[in-house]
Amino acid sequence: MTLPSFWEDRVRAETESKKLEKLKQNLAKYQKIKVEVNDLLEISNIDKIDQTVNLRKEIEIQFSKVKKQLLDFEELCFLNGKYDQENAWLSIFAGAGGDDAQDWVEMLLRMYSKYAKQKEWDFRIVEESKGTEAGLKSVVIEVRGDFAYGFLKNEAGVHRLVRISPFDAEKTRHTSFAMVQVLPEIDDIGVVIKQDDLKVDTFLSSGPGGQHMQKTESAVRITHLPTKISASSQVARSQSKNKDRALKILKSKLYHYFQAVKQEEKDMIKGEFKSASWGNQIRSYVLHPYKMVKDLRTKFETNDVNSILDGNLNEIIESKLKFK
């Protein structure tokens, strides 16, 4: 950064500056833990030499705090992928299951929003499509925060729900599916996007600040004509801001599309989610006839389904990060 030529390429310079800032933050966390461990060791030595002081309770309280900090910091060792430190685009799409599947999308949206709140991330709905009777057909969320993509990337796949359907008058058990897609926010995708290859459409936004609040077509959809991949944004009142956000999502989709080897991976990125059905799930959430959440990749399971649906995902996400 001290080189005179460093700021000649402003985009690259800003990227490198962000990397440096994140490295400084990680180093500061490490140094803070190191100081607290040394302080705890000193207190422990005092307690060992003179037990009349009775510091055991204070030591146990401080030890629990330091242990949690250390375990949280340890996670960074498993978040060493190329884009793990980046913000994320989280998309959820209804699969097989009709109204139940659309309701399931809304349940997953709530689950991830609560998890993001625990992580102190900014969680903003960019685009949503309302369900026919209830829930959502699809939703796209912008997740901004440290290591958002790294923590969320393994959530990508089919999520299966088994429960007594609230939409069935006979109260029978139903199985429904939803597809989760997670992409990192990428500015430089290494591929030239020609303006002639982009089709930009505008439409009325839905939801807060949307068609009930304004009459202008502020929502934007951008389609990359050669691949038919599209991205939309309707969260901002400004058409230009929605266009910028839609273009960012499109760049992330295109990067992964060109990186994908298998046709089914490309189909998923393009939004062809025909596989969100039986036999393709990564995780099952069973509410009836018993309660259990099971990750089919790591075999992690818990009976505390309500806790998982309330966003307490640390254990289940860690199990995949550390799974070999």
C-alpha atoms as a PDB file:
ATOM      1  CA  MET A   1       0.000   0.000   0.000  1.00  0.00           C
ATOM      2  CA  THR A   2       3.000   2.313   0.366  1.00  0.00           C
ATOM      3  CA  LEU A   3       3.822   2.020  -3.334  1.00  0.00           C
ATOM      4  CA  PRO A   4       2.994   5.177  -5.345  1.00  0.00           C
ATOM      5  CA  SER A   5       1.177   3.049  -7.952  1.00  0.00           C
ATOM      6  CA  PHE A   6      -1.109   1.352  -5.412  1.00  0.00           C
ATOM      7  CA  TRP A   7      -4.090   3.716  -5.931  1.00  0.00           C
ATOM      8  CA  GLU A   8      -3.807   3.811  -9.709  1.00  0.00           C
ATOM      9  CA  ASP A   9      -6.187   0.839  -9.880  1.00  0.00           C
ATOM     10  CA  ARG A  10      -8.865   2.116  -7.492  1.00  0.00           C
ATOM     11  CA  VAL A  11     -11.057  -1.021  -7.578  1.00  0.00           C
ATOM     12  CA  ARG A  12      -8.132  -3.317  -6.748  1.00  0.00           C
ATOM     13  CA  ALA A  13      -6.842  -0.860  -4.132  1.00  0.00           C
ATOM     14  CA  GLU A  14     -10.201  -0.748  -2.358  1.00  0.00           C
ATOM     15  CA  THR A  15     -10.399  -4.560  -2.404  1.00  0.00           C
ATOM     16  CA  GLU A  16      -6.927  -4.883  -0.879  1.00  0.00           C
ATOM     17  CA  SER A  17      -7.729  -2.212   1.706  1.00  0.00           C
ATOM     18  CA  LYS A  18     -10.805  -4.168   2.807  1.00  0.00           C
ATOM     19  CA  LYS A  19      -8.700  -7.328   3.137  1.00  0.00           C
ATOM     20  CA  LEU A  20      -6.183  -5.456   5.292  1.00  0.00           C
ATOM     21  CA  GLU A  21      -8.930  -4.071   7.528  1.00  0.00           C
ATOM     22  CA  LYS A  22     -10.384  -7.565   8.081  1.00  0.00           C
ATOM     23  CA  LEU A  23      -6.926  -8.955   8.876  1.00  0.00           C
ATOM     24  CA  LYS A  24      -6.428  -6.171  11.418  1.00  0.00           C
ATOM     25  CA  GLN A  25      -9.790  -6.990  13.010  1.00  0.00           C
ATOM     26  CA  ASN A  26      -8.877 -10.692  13.282  1.00  0.00           C
ATOM     27  CA  LEU A  27      -5.496  -9.837  14.777  1.00  0.00           C
ATOM     28  CA  ALA A  28      -7.162  -7.527  17.311  1.00  0.00           C
ATOM     29  CA  LYS A  29      -9.533 -10.351  18.338  1.00  0.00           C
ATOM     30  CA  TYR A  30      -6.589 -12.713  18.801  1.00  0.00           C
ATOM     31  CA  GLN A  31      -4.636 -10.193  20.864  1.00  0.00           C
ATOM     32  CA  LYS A  32      -7.683  -9.490  23.067  1.00  0.00           C
ATOM     33  CA  ILE A  33      -8.135 -13.211  23.772  1.00  0.00           C
ATOM     34  CA  LYS A  34      -4.414 -13.585  24.496  1.00  0.00           C
ATOM     35  CA  VAL A  35      -4.502 -10.769  27.073  1.00  0.00           C
ATOM     36  CA  GLU A  36      -7.604 -12.217  28.758  1.00  0.00           C
ATOM     37  CA  VAL A  37      -6.062 -15.716  28.898  1.00  0.00           C
ATOM     38  CA  ASN A  38      -2.903 -14.317  30.531  1.00  0.00           C
ATOM     39  CA  ASP A  39      -4.990 -12.336  33.036  1.00  0.00           C
ATOM     40  CA  LEU A  40      -6.974 -15.478  33.855  1.00  0.00           C
ATOM     41  CA  LEU A  41      -3.768 -17.469  34.374  1.00  0.00           C
ATOM     42  CA  GLU A  42      -2.494 -14.840  36.807  1.00  0.00           C
ATOM     43  CA  ILE A  43      -5.725 -14.945  38.812  1.00  0.00           C
ATOM     44  CA  SER A  44      -5.562 -18.767  38.811  1.00  0.00           C
ATOM     45  CA  ASN A  45      -2.001 -18.683  40.175  1.00  0.00           C
ATOM     46  CA  ILE A  46      -3.083 -16.360  42.966  1.00  0.00           C
ATOM     47  CA  ASP A  47      -5.931 -18.724  43.817  1.00  0.00           C
ATOM     48  CA  LYS A  48      -3.517 -21.680  43.792  1.00  0.00           C
ATOM     49  CA  ILE A  49      -1.054 -19.990  46.143  1.00  0.00           C
ATOM     50  CA  ASP A  50      -3.584 -18.446  48.509  1.00  0.00           C
ATOM     51  CA  GLN A  51      -6.974 -20.182  48.497  1.00  0.00           C
ATOM     52  CA  THR A  52      -8.233 -17.996  51.333  1.00  0.00           C
ATOM     53  CA  VAL A  53      -8.861 -15.294  48.739  1.00  0.00           C
ATOM     54  CA  ASN A  54     -11.545 -17.576  47.205  1.00  0.00           C
ATOM     55  CA  LEU A  55     -11.349 -16.566  43.552  1.00  0.00           C
ATOM     56  CA  ARG A  56     -12.700 -19.831  42.157  1.00  0.00           C
ATOM     57  CA  LYS A  57     -16.153 -18.504  41.248  1.00  0.00           C
ATOM     58  CA  GLU A  58     -14.732 -15.471  39.429  1.00  0.00           C
ATOM     59  CA  ILE A  59     -12.254 -17.729  37.589  1.00  0.00           C
ATOM     60  CA  GLU A  60     -15.041 -20.030  36.376  1.00  0.00           C
ATOM     61  CA  ILE A  61     -17.113 -17.076  35.106  1.00  0.00           C
ATOM     62  CA  GLN A  62     -14.143 -15.561  33.263  1.00  0.00           C
ATOM     63  CA  PHE A  63     -13.098 -18.972  31.924  1.00  0.00           C
ATOM     64  CA  SER A  64     -16.550 -19.504  30.350  1.00  0.00           C
ATOM     65  CA  LYS A  65     -16.342 -16.108  28.637  1.00  0.00           C
ATOM     66  CA  VAL A  66     -12.825 -16.706  27.295  1.00  0.00           C
ATOM     67  CA  LYS A  67     -13.724 -20.225  26.154  1.00  0.00           C
ATOM     68  CA  LYS A  68     -16.653 -18.889  24.103  1.00  0.00           C
ATOM     69  CA  GLN A  69     -14.446 -16.207  22.538  1.00  0.00           C
ATOM     70  CA  LEU A  70     -11.837 -18.817  21.669  1.00  0.00           C
ATOM     71  CA  LEU A  71     -14.379 -21.190  20.117  1.00  0.00           C
ATOM     72  CA  ASP A  72     -15.845 -18.325  18.076  1.00  0.00           C
ATOM     73  CA  PHE A  73     -12.351 -17.368  16.926  1.00  0.00           C
ATOM     74  CA  GLU A  74     -11.547 -20.993  16.100  1.00  0.00           C
ATOM     75  CA  GLU A  75     -14.335 -20.955  13.522  1.00  0.00           C
ATOM     76  CA  LEU A  76     -12.259 -18.547  11.435  1.00  0.00           C
ATOM     77  CA  CYS A  77      -9.797 -21.413  10.833  1.00  0.00           C
ATOM     78  CA  PHE A  78     -12.564 -23.214   8.943  1.00  0.00           C
ATOM     79  CA  LEU A  79     -13.628 -20.095   7.048  1.00  0.00           C
ATOM     80  CA  ASN A  80     -10.632 -19.853   4.757  1.00  0.00           C
ATOM     81  CA  GLY A  81     -12.361 -20.117   1.383  1.00  0.00           C
ATOM     82  CA  LYS A  82     -11.789 -17.501  -1.301  1.00  0.00           C
ATOM     83  CA  TYR A  83     -15.037 -15.630  -0.608  1.00  0.00           C
ATOM     84  CA  ASP A  84     -15.808 -16.717   2.963  1.00  0.00           C
ATOM     85  CA  GLN A  85     -15.282 -13.207   4.354  1.00  0.00           C
ATOM     86  CA  GLU A  86     -17.702 -11.626   1.885  1.00  0.00           C
ATOM     87  CA  ASN A  87     -21.326 -10.556   2.187  1.00  0.00           C
ATOM     88  CA  ALA A  88     -23.897 -13.012   0.847  1.00  0.00           C
ATOM     89  CA  TRP A  89     -26.990 -13.207  -1.332  1.00  0.00           C
ATOM     90  CA  LEU A  90     -29.404 -15.696   0.234  1.00  0.00           C
ATOM     91  CA  SER A  91     -32.310 -16.930  -1.912  1.00  0.00           C
ATOM     92  CA  ILE A  92     -35.133 -19.280  -0.877  1.00  0.00           C
ATOM     93  CA  PHE A  93     -37.519 -20.867  -3.409  1.00  0.00           C
ATOM     94  CA  ALA A  94     -40.624 -22.994  -2.836  1.00  0.00           C
ATOM     95  CA  GLY A  95     -40.361 -26.534  -4.181  1.00  0.00           C
ATOM     96  CA  ALA A  96     -42.818 -29.427  -4.110  1.00  0.00           C
ATOM     97  CA  GLY A  97     -45.621 -29.075  -1.584  1.00  0.00           C
ATOM     98  CA  GLY A  98     -47.978 -26.325  -2.774  1.00  0.00           C
ATOM     99  CA  ASP A  99     -49.140 -23.890  -0.057  1.00  0.00           C
ATOM    100  CA  ASP A 100     -47.114 -25.772   2.555  1.00  0.00           C
ATOM    101  CA  ALA A 101     -43.922 -25.248   0.542  1.00  0.00           C
ATOM    102  CA  GLN A 102     -44.625 -21.527   0.237  1.00  0.00           C
ATOM    103  CA  ASP A 103     -45.279 -21.311   3.970  1.00  0.00           C
ATOM    104  CA  TRP A 104     -42.032 -23.238   4.508  1.00  0.00           C
ATOM    105  CA  VAL A 105     -40.136 -20.547   2.579  1.00  0.00           C
ATOM    106  CA  GLU A 106     -41.463 -17.933   5.002  1.00  0.00           C
ATOM    107  CA  MET A 107     -40.487 -20.108   7.989  1.00  0.00           C
ATOM    108  CA  LEU A 108     -36.932 -20.445   6.643  1.00  0.00           C
ATOM    109  CA  LEU A 109     -36.815 -16.693   6.038  1.00  0.00           C
ATOM    110  CA  ARG A 110     -37.694 -16.125   9.700  1.00  0.00           C
ATOM    111  CA  MET A 111     -35.093 -18.706  10.811  1.00  0.00           C
ATOM    112  CA  TYR A 112     -32.263 -17.088   8.863  1.00  0.00           C
ATOM    113  CA  SER A 113     -33.290 -13.564   9.888  1.00  0.00           C
ATOM    114  CA  LYS A 114     -33.023 -14.558  13.551  1.00  0.00           C
ATOM    115  CA  TYR A 115     -29.649 -16.214  12.942  1.00  0.00           C
ATOM    116  CA  ALA A 116     -28.429 -13.035  11.212  1.00  0.00           C
ATOM    117  CA  LYS A 117     -29.590 -10.968  14.192  1.00  0.00           C
ATOM    118  CA  GLN A 118     -27.505 -13.163  16.517  1.00  0.00           C
ATOM    119  CA  LYS A 119     -24.500 -12.600  14.259  1.00  0.00           C
ATOM    120  CA  GLU A 120     -25.214  -8.840  14.191  1.00  0.00           C
ATOM    121  CA  TRP A 121     -25.479  -8.904  10.396  1.00  0.00           C
ATOM    122  CA  ASP A 122     -27.563  -6.563   8.281  1.00  0.00           C
ATOM    123  CA  PHE A 123     -30.403  -8.660   6.808  1.00  0.00           C
ATOM    124  CA  ARG A 124     -32.436  -7.002   4.061  1.00  0.00           C
ATOM    125  CA  ILE A 125     -35.074  -8.445   1.714  1.00  0.00           C
ATOM    126  CA  VAL A 126     -34.183  -7.449  -1.850  1.00  0.00           C
ATOM    127  CA  GLU A 127     -37.016  -9.168  -3.718  1.00  0.00           C
ATOM    128  CA  GLU A 128     -39.976 -11.347  -2.819  1.00  0.00           C
ATOM    129  CA  SER A 129     -42.834 -13.061  -4.581  1.00  0.00           C
ATOM    130  CA  LYS A 130     -45.945 -13.638  -2.477  1.00  0.00           C
ATOM    131  CA  GLY A 131     -47.523 -17.080  -2.288  1.00  0.00           C
ATOM    132  CA  THR A 132     -50.905 -17.909  -3.780  1.00  0.00           C
ATOM    133  CA  GLU A 133     -52.673 -18.447  -0.445  1.00  0.00           C
ATOM    134  CA  ALA A 134     -49.916 -17.945   2.120  1.00  0.00           C
ATOM    135  CA  GLY A 135     -46.173 -17.626   2.514  1.00  0.00           C
ATOM    136  CA  LEU A 136     -43.766 -16.818  -0.289  1.00  0.00           C
ATOM    137  CA  LYS A 137     -42.978 -18.382  -3.631  1.00  0.00           C
ATOM    138  CA  SER A 138     -39.467 -16.958  -3.434  1.00  0.00           C
ATOM    139  CA  VAL A 139     -37.385 -14.392  -1.605  1.00  0.00           C
ATOM    140  CA  VAL A 140     -33.913 -12.916  -2.111  1.00  0.00           C
ATOM    141  CA  ILE A 141     -32.022 -11.451   0.856  1.00  0.00           C
ATOM    142  CA  GLU A 142     -28.904  -9.327   1.081  1.00  0.00           C
ATOM    143  CA  VAL A 143     -26.831 -10.402   4.106  1.00  0.00           C
ATOM    144  CA  ARG A 144     -24.043  -7.987   5.049  1.00  0.00           C
ATOM    145  CA  GLY A 145     -21.572  -8.821   7.802  1.00  0.00           C
ATOM    146  CA  ASP A 146     -18.275 -10.468   8.660  1.00  0.00           C
ATOM    147  CA  PHE A 147     -17.976 -13.934   7.095  1.00  0.00           C
ATOM    148  CA  ALA A 148     -21.657 -13.945   6.096  1.00  0.00           C
ATOM    149  CA  TYR A 149     -20.985 -16.119   3.031  1.00  0.00           C
ATOM    150  CA  GLY A 150     -18.613 -18.422   4.919  1.00  0.00           C
ATOM    151  CA  PHE A 151     -21.190 -19.260   7.574  1.00  0.00           C
ATOM    152  CA  LEU A 152     -24.144 -19.517   5.193  1.00  0.00           C
ATOM    153  CA  LYS A 153     -22.596 -21.240   2.160  1.00  0.00           C
ATOM    154  CA  ASN A 154     -23.325 -24.777   3.394  1.00  0.00           C
ATOM    155  CA  GLU A 155     -27.009 -23.943   3.839  1.00  0.00           C
ATOM    156  CA  ALA A 156     -27.373 -24.186   0.057  1.00  0.00           C
ATOM    157  CA  GLY A 157     -29.528 -27.121  -0.997  1.00  0.00           C
ATOM    158  CA  VAL A 158     -32.988 -28.628  -0.468  1.00  0.00           C
ATOM    159  CA  HIS A 159     -34.605 -28.313   2.976  1.00  0.00           C
ATOM    160  CA  ARG A 160     -37.435 -30.762   3.778  1.00  0.00           C
ATOM    161  CA  LEU A 161     -40.275 -30.126   6.238  1.00  0.00           C
ATOM    162  CA  VAL A 162     -42.621 -32.785   7.656  1.00  0.00           C
ATOM    163  CA  ARG A 163     -45.601 -31.596   9.720  1.00  0.00           C
ATOM    164  CA  ILE A 164     -49.362 -31.566  10.125  1.00  0.00           C
ATOM    165  CA  SER A 165     -50.456 -29.148   7.419  1.00  0.00           C
ATOM    166  CA  PRO A 166     -52.263 -26.015   8.673  1.00  0.00           C
ATOM    167  CA  PHE A 167     -53.828 -25.793   5.203  1.00  0.00           C
ATOM    168  CA  ASP A 168     -55.444 -29.247   5.311  1.00  0.00           C
ATOM    169  CA  ALA A 169     -58.913 -29.412   6.891  1.00  0.00           C
ATOM    170  CA  GLU A 170     -58.365 -33.125   7.602  1.00  0.00           C
ATOM    171  CA  LYS A 171     -55.125 -32.318   9.511  1.00  0.00           C
ATOM    172  CA  THR A 172     -53.027 -34.908   7.687  1.00  0.00           C
ATOM    173  CA  ARG A 173     -49.246 -35.004   7.588  1.00  0.00           C
ATOM    174  CA  HIS A 174     -47.599 -33.229   4.660  1.00  0.00           C
ATOM    175  CA  THR A 175     -44.049 -33.084   3.324  1.00  0.00           C
ATOM    176  CA  SER A 176     -42.853 -29.922   1.627  1.00  0.00           C
ATOM    177  CA  PHE A 177     -39.573 -28.695   0.179  1.00  0.00           C
ATOM    178  CA  ALA A 178     -37.694 -25.446  -0.315  1.00  0.00           C
ATOM    179  CA  MET A 179     -34.454 -24.714  -2.144  1.00  0.00           C
ATOM    180  CA  VAL A 180     -31.857 -22.438  -0.548  1.00  0.00           C
ATOM    181  CA  GLN A 181     -29.218 -20.778  -2.718  1.00  0.00           C
ATOM    182  CA  VAL A 182     -26.256 -18.852  -1.274  1.00  0.00           C
ATOM    183  CA  LEU A 183     -23.876 -16.721  -3.347  1.00  0.00           C
ATOM    184  CA  PRO A 184     -21.056 -14.408  -2.243  1.00  0.00           C
ATOM    185  CA  GLU A 185     -21.127 -10.759  -3.196  1.00  0.00           C
ATOM    186  CA  ILE A 186     -18.566 -10.432  -6.003  1.00  0.00           C
ATOM    187  CA  ASP A 187     -17.630  -7.217  -7.766  1.00  0.00           C
ATOM    188  CA  ASP A 188     -14.929  -8.525 -10.098  1.00  0.00           C
ATOM    189  CA  ILE A 189     -16.119 -11.759 -11.712  1.00  0.00           C
ATOM    190  CA  GLY A 190     -13.276 -11.946 -14.236  1.00  0.00           C
ATOM    191  CA  VAL A 191     -15.729 -11.948 -17.139  1.00  0.00           C
ATOM    192  CA  VAL A 192     -16.555  -8.967 -19.339  1.00  0.00           C
ATOM    193  CA  ILE A 193     -20.283  -8.223 -19.323  1.00  0.00           C
ATOM    194  CA  LYS A 194     -21.340  -6.402 -22.480  1.00  0.00           C
ATOM    195  CA  GLN A 195     -24.089  -3.824 -22.098  1.00  0.00           C
ATOM    196  CA  ASP A 196     -25.721  -5.188 -25.266  1.00  0.00           C
ATOM    197  CA  ASP A 197     -26.100  -8.551 -23.514  1.00  0.00           C
ATOM    198  CA  LEU A 198     -28.176  -7.029 -20.716  1.00  0.00           C
ATOM    199  CA  LYS A 199     -31.919  -6.481 -20.798  1.00  0.00           C
ATOM    200  CA  VAL A 200     -33.225  -4.114 -18.116  1.00  0.00           C
ATOM    201  CA  ASP A 201     -36.920  -4.184 -17.147  1.00  0.00           C
ATOM    202  CA  THR A 202     -38.646  -1.997 -14.578  1.00  0.00           C
ATOM    203  CA  PHE A 203     -41.824  -2.756 -12.655  1.00  0.00           C
ATOM    204  CA  LEU A 204     -43.787  -1.668  -9.586  1.00  0.00           C
ATOM    205  CA  SER A 205     -42.250  -2.701  -6.293  1.00  0.00           C
ATOM    206  CA  SER A 206     -44.268  -4.765  -3.836  1.00  0.00           C
ATOM    207  CA  GLY A 207     -44.268  -4.508  -0.082  1.00  0.00           C
ATOM    208  CA  PRO A 208     -43.238  -1.485   2.056  1.00  0.00           C
ATOM    209  CA  GLY A 209     -42.282   1.446  -0.110  1.00  0.00           C
ATOM    210  CA  GLY A 210     -43.718  -0.361  -3.111  1.00  0.00           C
ATOM    211  CA  GLN A 211     -46.901  -0.210  -5.122  1.00  0.00           C
ATOM    212  CA  HIS A 212     -49.024   0.956  -2.152  1.00  0.00           C
ATOM    213  CA  MET A 213     -46.651   3.830  -1.463  1.00  0.00           C
ATOM    214  CA  GLN A 214     -45.568   4.946  -4.918  1.00  0.00           C
ATOM    215  CA  LYS A 215     -46.705   4.893  -8.528  1.00  0.00           C
ATOM    216  CA  THR A 216     -43.287   4.842 -10.204  1.00  0.00           C
ATOM    217  CA  GLU A 217     -41.691   1.649 -11.510  1.00  0.00           C
ATOM    218  CA  SER A 218     -38.720   1.600  -9.133  1.00  0.00           C
ATOM    219  CA  ALA A 219     -38.106  -2.167  -9.116  1.00  0.00           C
ATOM    220  CA  VAL A 220     -35.546  -3.459 -11.613  1.00  0.00           C
ATOM    221  CA  ARG A 221     -34.901  -6.821 -13.252  1.00  0.00           C
ATOM    222  CA  ILE A 222     -31.718  -7.350 -15.278  1.00  0.00           C
ATOM    223  CA  THR A 223     -31.399 -10.360 -17.595  1.00  0.00           C
ATOM    224  CA  HIS A 224     -28.146 -11.599 -19.114  1.00  0.00           C
ATOM    225  CA  LEU A 225     -29.410 -12.626 -22.546  1.00  0.00           C
ATOM    226  CA  PRO A 226     -26.709 -15.184 -23.494  1.00  0.00           C
ATOM    227  CA  THR A 227     -27.319 -17.277 -20.336  1.00  0.00           C
ATOM    228  CA  LYS A 228     -30.927 -16.210 -19.558  1.00  0.00           C
ATOM    229  CA  ILE A 229     -29.825 -15.581 -15.950  1.00  0.00           C
ATOM    230  CA  SER A 230     -31.687 -12.748 -14.264  1.00  0.00           C
ATOM    231  CA  ALA A 231     -31.582 -10.811 -11.004  1.00  0.00           C
ATOM    232  CA  SER A 232     -34.029  -8.361  -9.463  1.00  0.00           C
ATOM    233  CA  SER A 233     -34.201  -5.776  -6.717  1.00  0.00           C
ATOM    234  CA  GLN A 234     -37.221  -3.915  -5.369  1.00  0.00           C
ATOM    235  CA  VAL A 235     -36.147  -2.900  -1.852  1.00  0.00           C
ATOM    236  CA  ALA A 236     -34.969   0.657  -2.638  1.00  0.00           C
ATOM    237  CA  ARG A 237     -37.260   3.512  -3.582  1.00  0.00           C
ATOM    238  CA  SER A 238     -34.679   4.660  -6.089  1.00  0.00           C
ATOM    239  CA  GLN A 239     -34.619   2.883  -9.443  1.00  0.00           C
ATOM    240  CA  SER A 240     -30.868   3.504  -9.795  1.00  0.00           C
ATOM    241  CA  LYS A 241     -30.142   1.887  -6.415  1.00  0.00           C
ATOM    242  CA  ASN A 242     -32.262  -1.127  -7.315  1.00  0.00           C
ATOM    243  CA  LYS A 243     -30.403  -1.369 -10.618  1.00  0.00           C
ATOM    244  CA  ASP A 244     -27.029  -1.326  -8.852  1.00  0.00           C
ATOM    245  CA  ARG A 245     -28.125  -4.019  -6.407  1.00  0.00           C
ATOM    246  CA  ALA A 246     -29.626  -6.211  -9.154  1.00  0.00           C
ATOM    247  CA  LEU A 247     -26.384  -5.932 -11.128  1.00  0.00           C
ATOM    248  CA  LYS A 248     -24.373  -7.047  -8.078  1.00  0.00           C
ATOM    249  CA  ILE A 249     -26.583 -10.125  -7.676  1.00  0.00           C
ATOM    250  CA  LEU A 250     -26.326 -10.853 -11.401  1.00  0.00           C
ATOM    251  CA  LYS A 251     -22.513 -10.667 -11.271  1.00  0.00           C
ATOM    252  CA  SER A 252     -22.428 -13.211  -8.428  1.00  0.00           C
ATOM    253  CA  LYS A 253     -24.762 -15.530 -10.331  1.00  0.00           C
ATOM    254  CA  LEU A 254     -22.718 -15.239 -13.522  1.00  0.00           C
ATOM    255  CA  TYR A 255     -19.447 -15.910 -11.697  1.00  0.00           C
ATOM    256  CA  HIS A 256     -20.794 -19.165 -10.267  1.00  0.00           C
ATOM    257  CA  TYR A 257     -22.485 -20.083 -13.530  1.00  0.00           C
ATOM    258  CA  PHE A 258     -19.194 -19.865 -15.432  1.00  0.00           C
ATOM    259  CA  GLN A 259     -17.418 -21.729 -12.612  1.00  0.00           C
ATOM    260  CA  ALA A 260     -19.994 -24.537 -12.543  1.00  0.00           C
ATOM    261  CA  VAL A 261     -18.992 -27.755 -14.257  1.00  0.00           C
ATOM    262  CA  LYS A 262     -22.162 -29.840 -14.069  1.00  0.00           C
ATOM    263  CA  GLN A 263     -25.321 -28.883 -15.934  1.00  0.00           C
ATOM    264  CA  GLU A 264     -27.467 -29.362 -12.817  1.00  0.00           C
ATOM    265  CA  GLU A 265     -25.336 -26.780 -10.999  1.00  0.00           C
ATOM    266  CA  LYS A 266     -25.910 -24.322 -13.838  1.00  0.00           C
ATOM    267  CA  ASP A 267     -29.642 -25.047 -13.775  1.00  0.00           C
ATOM    268  CA  MET A 268     -29.752 -24.248 -10.054  1.00  0.00           C
ATOM    269  CA  ILE A 269     -28.007 -20.896 -10.571  1.00  0.00           C
ATOM    270  CA  LYS A 270     -30.391 -20.040 -13.426  1.00  0.00           C
ATOM    271  CA  GLY A 271     -33.340 -20.720 -11.134  1.00  0.00           C
ATOM    272  CA  GLU A 272     -34.553 -24.032 -12.548  1.00  0.00           C
ATOM    273  CA  PHE A 273     -35.343 -25.638  -9.197  1.00  0.00           C
ATOM    274  CA  LYS A 274     -37.096 -28.782 -10.369  1.00  0.00           C
ATOM    275  CA  SER A 275     -34.932 -30.840  -7.999  1.00  0.00           C
ATOM    276  CA  ALA A 276     -36.480 -29.359  -4.811  1.00  0.00           C
ATOM    277  CA  SER A 277     -38.311 -32.588  -4.038  1.00  0.00           C
ATOM    278  CA  TRP A 278     -37.923 -36.107  -2.645  1.00  0.00           C
ATOM    279  CA  GLY A 279     -34.451 -37.601  -2.407  1.00  0.00           C
ATOM    280  CA  ASN A 280     -32.453 -34.402  -2.839  1.00  0.00           C
ATOM    281  CA  GLN A 281     -32.621 -32.810   0.605  1.00  0.00           C
ATOM    282  CA  ILE A 282     -29.569 -31.821   2.670  1.00  0.00           C
ATOM    283  CA  ARG A 283     -31.575 -31.437   5.872  1.00  0.00           C
ATOM    284  CA  SER A 284     -34.887 -32.646   7.279  1.00  0.00           C
ATOM    285  CA  TYR A 285     -37.056 -30.816   9.804  1.00  0.00           C
ATOM    286  CA  VAL A 286     -39.671 -33.160  11.302  1.00  0.00           C
ATOM    287  CA  LEU A 287     -42.463 -31.722  13.483  1.00  0.00           C
ATOM    288  CA  HIS A 288     -44.742 -34.787  13.377  1.00  0.00           C
ATOM    289  CA  PRO A 289     -45.040 -37.635  14.452  1.00  0.00           C
ATOM    290  CA  TYR A 290     -41.847 -36.830  16.404  1.00  0.00           C
ATOM    291  CA  LYS A 291     -39.547 -33.816  16.597  1.00  0.00           C
ATOM    292  CA  MET A 292     -36.123 -33.884  14.959  1.00  0.00           C
ATOM    293  CA  VAL A 293     -33.818 -31.857  12.750  1.00  0.00           C
ATOM    294  CA  LYS A 294     -31.190 -33.920  10.956  1.00  0.00           C
ATOM    295  CA  ASP A 295     -28.447 -32.820   8.587  1.00  0.00           C
ATOM    296  CA  LEU A 296     -28.079 -35.699   6.142  1.00  0.00           C
ATOM    297  CA  ARG A 297     -24.487 -34.747   5.224  1.00  0.00           C
ATOM    298  CA  THR A 298     -22.935 -34.661   8.714  1.00  0.00           C
ATOM    299  CA  LYS A 299     -25.539 -36.806  10.554  1.00  0.00           C
ATOM    300  CA  PHE A 300     -25.925 -33.989  13.100  1.00  0.00           C
ATOM    301  CA  GLU A 301     -29.341 -34.192  14.722  1.00  0.00           C
ATOM    302  CA  THR A 302     -31.319 -32.572  17.514  1.00  0.00           C
ATOM    303  CA  ASN A 303     -34.801 -32.917  18.997  1.00  0.00           C
ATOM    304  CA  ASP A 304     -34.994 -29.183  19.723  1.00  0.00           C
ATOM    305  CA  VAL A 305     -36.680 -28.221  16.457  1.00  0.00           C
ATOM    306  CA  ASN A 306     -38.140 -25.006  17.853  1.00  0.00           C
ATOM    307  CA  SER A 307     -34.683 -23.757  18.795  1.00  0.00           C
ATOM    308  CA  ILE A 308     -33.399 -24.385  15.259  1.00  0.00           C
ATOM    309  CA  LEU A 309     -36.396 -22.635  13.690  1.00  0.00           C
ATOM    310  CA  ASP A 310     -35.762 -19.733  16.070  1.00  0.00           C
ATOM    311  CA  GLY A 311     -32.380 -19.226  14.413  1.00  0.00           C
ATOM    312  CA  ASN A 312     -30.086 -21.056  16.816  1.00  0.00           C
ATOM    313  CA  LEU A 313     -28.023 -22.548  13.991  1.00  0.00           C
ATOM    314  CA  ASN A 314     -24.510 -22.312  15.419  1.00  0.00           C
ATOM    315  CA  GLU A 315     -24.116 -26.019  16.211  1.00  0.00           C
ATOM    316  CA  ILE A 316     -25.612 -27.336  12.989  1.00  0.00           C
ATOM    317  CA  ILE A 317     -23.600 -24.890  10.836  1.00  0.00           C
ATOM    318  CA  GLU A 318     -20.398 -25.658  12.780  1.00  0.00           C
ATOM    319  CA  SER A 319     -20.958 -29.387  12.246  1.00  0.00           C
ATOM    320  CA  LYS A 320     -20.730 -28.852   8.468  1.00  0.00           C
ATOM    321  CA  LEU A 321     -17.806 -26.424   8.646  1.00  0.00           C
ATOM    322  CA  LYS A 322     -15.764 -28.975  10.613  1.00  0.00           C
ATOM    323  CA  PHE A 323     -17.055 -32.051   8.775  1.00  0.00           C
ATOM    324  CA  LYS A 324     -14.471 -33.952   6.728  1.00  0.00           C
END
